N, C-alpha and C. Protein backbone atom coordinates (compact mmCIF):
# COMPACT_ATOMS: atom_id res chain seq x y z
N MET A 1 -58.72 -53.18 -122.72
CA MET A 1 -57.52 -53.46 -121.96
C MET A 1 -57.92 -54.30 -120.75
N SER A 2 -57.18 -55.37 -120.52
CA SER A 2 -57.46 -56.18 -119.35
C SER A 2 -56.87 -55.49 -118.12
N THR A 3 -57.42 -55.82 -116.98
CA THR A 3 -56.96 -55.20 -115.73
C THR A 3 -56.63 -56.28 -114.72
N THR A 4 -55.93 -55.86 -113.70
CA THR A 4 -55.62 -56.73 -112.57
C THR A 4 -55.86 -55.94 -111.30
N SER A 5 -56.14 -56.63 -110.23
CA SER A 5 -56.42 -55.95 -108.96
C SER A 5 -55.20 -56.00 -108.05
N ARG A 6 -54.99 -54.92 -107.32
CA ARG A 6 -53.93 -54.83 -106.33
C ARG A 6 -54.53 -54.20 -105.08
N THR A 7 -54.01 -54.57 -103.95
CA THR A 7 -54.40 -53.92 -102.71
C THR A 7 -53.29 -52.94 -102.35
N ILE A 8 -53.67 -51.67 -102.18
CA ILE A 8 -52.70 -50.63 -101.88
C ILE A 8 -53.11 -49.93 -100.60
N ARG A 9 -52.14 -49.75 -99.72
CA ARG A 9 -52.40 -49.00 -98.49
C ARG A 9 -51.84 -47.61 -98.64
N PHE A 10 -52.65 -46.61 -98.28
CA PHE A 10 -52.24 -45.22 -98.34
C PHE A 10 -52.24 -44.62 -96.95
N PRO A 11 -51.33 -43.71 -96.69
CA PRO A 11 -51.46 -42.94 -95.45
C PRO A 11 -52.82 -42.21 -95.47
N GLU A 12 -53.42 -42.05 -94.32
CA GLU A 12 -54.75 -41.45 -94.22
C GLU A 12 -54.84 -40.11 -94.96
N GLN A 13 -53.86 -39.25 -94.77
CA GLN A 13 -53.89 -37.93 -95.39
C GLN A 13 -53.84 -38.03 -96.92
N VAL A 14 -53.02 -38.92 -97.44
CA VAL A 14 -52.93 -39.11 -98.89
C VAL A 14 -54.26 -39.62 -99.42
N SER A 15 -54.88 -40.53 -98.71
CA SER A 15 -56.17 -41.07 -99.12
C SER A 15 -57.23 -39.97 -99.17
N ARG A 16 -57.28 -39.13 -98.15
CA ARG A 16 -58.26 -38.03 -98.12
C ARG A 16 -58.01 -37.03 -99.24
N ARG A 17 -56.75 -36.65 -99.41
CA ARG A 17 -56.42 -35.67 -100.45
C ARG A 17 -56.67 -36.24 -101.84
N GLY A 18 -56.38 -37.53 -102.01
CA GLY A 18 -56.64 -38.17 -103.30
C GLY A 18 -58.13 -38.24 -103.60
N ALA A 19 -58.91 -38.57 -102.61
CA ALA A 19 -60.37 -38.63 -102.80
C ALA A 19 -60.92 -37.24 -103.14
N ALA A 20 -60.39 -36.21 -102.49
CA ALA A 20 -60.83 -34.84 -102.79
C ALA A 20 -60.44 -34.44 -104.21
N LEU A 21 -59.24 -34.79 -104.62
CA LEU A 21 -58.80 -34.49 -105.98
C LEU A 21 -59.66 -35.23 -107.01
N ALA A 22 -59.94 -36.48 -106.74
CA ALA A 22 -60.79 -37.26 -107.64
C ALA A 22 -62.15 -36.59 -107.80
N LYS A 23 -62.71 -36.15 -106.71
CA LYS A 23 -64.02 -35.50 -106.75
C LYS A 23 -63.95 -34.20 -107.55
N ARG A 24 -62.91 -33.39 -107.31
CA ARG A 24 -62.76 -32.11 -108.03
C ARG A 24 -62.58 -32.31 -109.52
N THR A 25 -61.87 -33.35 -109.90
CA THR A 25 -61.56 -33.57 -111.32
C THR A 25 -62.57 -34.46 -112.02
N GLY A 26 -63.49 -35.01 -111.28
CA GLY A 26 -64.50 -35.88 -111.89
C GLY A 26 -63.95 -37.24 -112.29
N LYS A 27 -62.86 -37.63 -111.65
CA LYS A 27 -62.27 -38.94 -111.93
C LYS A 27 -62.44 -39.83 -110.71
N SER A 28 -62.25 -41.12 -110.94
CA SER A 28 -62.26 -42.03 -109.80
C SER A 28 -60.88 -42.02 -109.15
N PHE A 29 -60.84 -42.42 -107.90
CA PHE A 29 -59.55 -42.53 -107.21
C PHE A 29 -58.65 -43.49 -107.97
N ASN A 30 -59.23 -44.56 -108.48
CA ASN A 30 -58.46 -45.54 -109.26
C ASN A 30 -57.82 -44.89 -110.48
N GLU A 31 -58.58 -44.05 -111.20
CA GLU A 31 -58.02 -43.38 -112.37
C GLU A 31 -56.81 -42.52 -111.99
N LEU A 32 -56.91 -41.82 -110.86
CA LEU A 32 -55.80 -41.00 -110.41
C LEU A 32 -54.57 -41.85 -110.12
N VAL A 33 -54.77 -42.98 -109.48
CA VAL A 33 -53.65 -43.86 -109.16
C VAL A 33 -53.02 -44.40 -110.44
N VAL A 34 -53.84 -44.85 -111.38
CA VAL A 34 -53.31 -45.38 -112.64
C VAL A 34 -52.53 -44.30 -113.38
N GLU A 35 -53.08 -43.09 -113.47
CA GLU A 35 -52.38 -41.99 -114.14
C GLU A 35 -51.04 -41.70 -113.46
N SER A 36 -51.03 -41.72 -112.14
CA SER A 36 -49.80 -41.43 -111.40
C SER A 36 -48.73 -42.50 -111.65
N VAL A 37 -49.14 -43.75 -111.63
CA VAL A 37 -48.19 -44.85 -111.86
C VAL A 37 -47.68 -44.81 -113.30
N GLU A 38 -48.58 -44.55 -114.25
CA GLU A 38 -48.14 -44.45 -115.65
C GLU A 38 -47.14 -43.32 -115.84
N GLU A 39 -47.38 -42.18 -115.22
CA GLU A 39 -46.46 -41.04 -115.33
C GLU A 39 -45.11 -41.39 -114.72
N ARG A 40 -45.11 -42.06 -113.60
CA ARG A 40 -43.84 -42.45 -112.97
C ARG A 40 -43.07 -43.42 -113.86
N ILE A 41 -43.77 -44.35 -114.47
CA ILE A 41 -43.12 -45.30 -115.38
C ILE A 41 -42.49 -44.55 -116.54
N ARG A 42 -43.23 -43.58 -117.12
CA ARG A 42 -42.68 -42.79 -118.23
C ARG A 42 -41.42 -42.04 -117.81
N ARG A 43 -41.46 -41.43 -116.62
CA ARG A 43 -40.28 -40.69 -116.15
C ARG A 43 -39.09 -41.61 -115.98
N GLU A 44 -39.31 -42.78 -115.41
CA GLU A 44 -38.22 -43.74 -115.22
C GLU A 44 -37.66 -44.20 -116.57
N GLU A 45 -38.55 -44.49 -117.53
CA GLU A 45 -38.10 -44.91 -118.85
C GLU A 45 -37.33 -43.79 -119.54
N ASP A 46 -37.78 -42.55 -119.37
CA ASP A 46 -37.05 -41.41 -119.93
C ASP A 46 -35.66 -41.31 -119.32
N GLN A 47 -35.56 -41.54 -118.02
CA GLN A 47 -34.26 -41.48 -117.36
C GLN A 47 -33.32 -42.56 -117.91
N GLU A 48 -33.87 -43.75 -118.16
CA GLU A 48 -33.05 -44.83 -118.73
C GLU A 48 -32.56 -44.42 -120.12
N TRP A 49 -33.42 -43.79 -120.89
CA TRP A 49 -33.06 -43.33 -122.23
C TRP A 49 -31.94 -42.30 -122.14
N ILE A 50 -32.05 -41.37 -121.21
CA ILE A 50 -31.03 -40.34 -121.03
C ILE A 50 -29.70 -40.97 -120.61
N LYS A 51 -29.75 -41.95 -119.72
CA LYS A 51 -28.51 -42.62 -119.31
C LYS A 51 -27.85 -43.30 -120.50
N ASP A 52 -28.66 -43.92 -121.36
CA ASP A 52 -28.11 -44.57 -122.55
C ASP A 52 -27.45 -43.54 -123.48
N LEU A 53 -28.10 -42.40 -123.66
CA LEU A 53 -27.52 -41.35 -124.50
C LEU A 53 -26.23 -40.80 -123.89
N ASP A 54 -26.23 -40.64 -122.57
CA ASP A 54 -25.01 -40.18 -121.90
C ASP A 54 -23.87 -41.17 -122.12
N TRP A 55 -24.18 -42.46 -122.03
CA TRP A 55 -23.16 -43.48 -122.25
C TRP A 55 -22.60 -43.37 -123.66
N LEU A 56 -23.50 -43.20 -124.63
CA LEU A 56 -23.04 -43.06 -126.01
C LEU A 56 -22.18 -41.82 -126.19
N ALA A 57 -22.54 -40.73 -125.52
CA ALA A 57 -21.75 -39.50 -125.60
C ALA A 57 -20.35 -39.72 -125.03
N ASP A 58 -20.25 -40.57 -124.01
CA ASP A 58 -18.96 -40.86 -123.39
C ASP A 58 -18.12 -41.84 -124.21
N HIS A 59 -18.73 -42.50 -125.19
CA HIS A 59 -18.05 -43.49 -126.01
C HIS A 59 -18.28 -43.19 -127.50
N PRO A 60 -17.82 -42.03 -127.97
CA PRO A 60 -18.11 -41.66 -129.36
C PRO A 60 -17.51 -42.62 -130.39
N GLU A 61 -16.48 -43.33 -129.98
CA GLU A 61 -15.86 -44.28 -130.92
C GLU A 61 -16.79 -45.44 -131.26
N LEU A 62 -17.81 -45.64 -130.46
CA LEU A 62 -18.76 -46.73 -130.70
C LEU A 62 -20.03 -46.26 -131.40
N THR A 63 -20.07 -44.99 -131.76
CA THR A 63 -21.28 -44.45 -132.37
C THR A 63 -21.03 -44.10 -133.83
N ASP A 64 -22.10 -44.03 -134.56
CA ASP A 64 -22.07 -43.62 -135.95
C ASP A 64 -22.84 -42.30 -136.04
N VAL A 65 -22.13 -41.20 -135.81
CA VAL A 65 -22.76 -39.90 -135.70
C VAL A 65 -23.50 -39.53 -136.98
N GLU A 66 -23.00 -39.94 -138.10
CA GLU A 66 -23.64 -39.59 -139.37
C GLU A 66 -25.10 -40.02 -139.41
N TYR A 67 -25.39 -41.18 -138.81
CA TYR A 67 -26.76 -41.69 -138.79
C TYR A 67 -27.44 -41.48 -137.44
N GLY A 68 -26.66 -41.28 -136.41
CA GLY A 68 -27.21 -41.18 -135.05
C GLY A 68 -28.07 -39.96 -134.83
N ILE A 69 -27.63 -38.80 -135.26
CA ILE A 69 -28.39 -37.58 -135.03
C ILE A 69 -29.72 -37.60 -135.77
N PRO A 70 -29.76 -37.95 -137.07
CA PRO A 70 -31.08 -38.04 -137.73
C PRO A 70 -31.99 -39.09 -137.08
N ALA A 71 -31.42 -40.19 -136.64
CA ALA A 71 -32.24 -41.22 -135.98
C ALA A 71 -32.79 -40.70 -134.67
N PHE A 72 -31.97 -39.99 -133.92
CA PHE A 72 -32.41 -39.40 -132.65
C PHE A 72 -33.55 -38.42 -132.90
N ASN A 73 -33.41 -37.56 -133.90
CA ASN A 73 -34.48 -36.61 -134.23
C ASN A 73 -35.75 -37.33 -134.65
N GLU A 74 -35.61 -38.43 -135.36
CA GLU A 74 -36.77 -39.21 -135.78
C GLU A 74 -37.52 -39.76 -134.56
N VAL A 75 -36.78 -40.25 -133.58
CA VAL A 75 -37.40 -40.77 -132.36
C VAL A 75 -38.12 -39.65 -131.61
N LEU A 76 -37.45 -38.51 -131.47
CA LEU A 76 -38.07 -37.38 -130.77
C LEU A 76 -39.35 -36.92 -131.47
N ASN A 77 -39.32 -36.85 -132.78
CA ASN A 77 -40.51 -36.45 -133.53
C ASN A 77 -41.63 -37.46 -133.37
N ALA A 78 -41.31 -38.73 -133.36
CA ALA A 78 -42.33 -39.77 -133.20
C ALA A 78 -42.96 -39.70 -131.81
N GLN A 79 -42.16 -39.39 -130.79
CA GLN A 79 -42.69 -39.27 -129.43
C GLN A 79 -43.59 -38.06 -129.29
N ALA A 80 -43.32 -37.00 -130.05
CA ALA A 80 -44.10 -35.78 -129.96
C ALA A 80 -45.48 -35.91 -130.60
N GLU A 81 -45.63 -36.90 -131.48
CA GLU A 81 -46.91 -37.07 -132.19
C GLU A 81 -47.97 -37.67 -131.35
C-alpha cells in the first residue's frame, strides 16, 4: 500500500496519552492514528448507509421489498465475513 505524509498537531495531553498507549500496545503512534482515522471513516460510512435505508423506509413506493430484504441480508452477511 502506498502512503502519504501529513503533518498533524495534537494537544500536548493527547500526544502524551497516545505515546503511552502506543508503548503499551506495542504499536507505533502512527499505527494508532491510522487505526483511529480508519475507524472514524467506517462509522461515517455506516451512518450514510443507515440514512439511505431510513430514506428507503420513508419511501416504500420506490422500493422492491420482494428483492430488497434478501439483498440487504446478503450485504450484511458479506460485511460480517
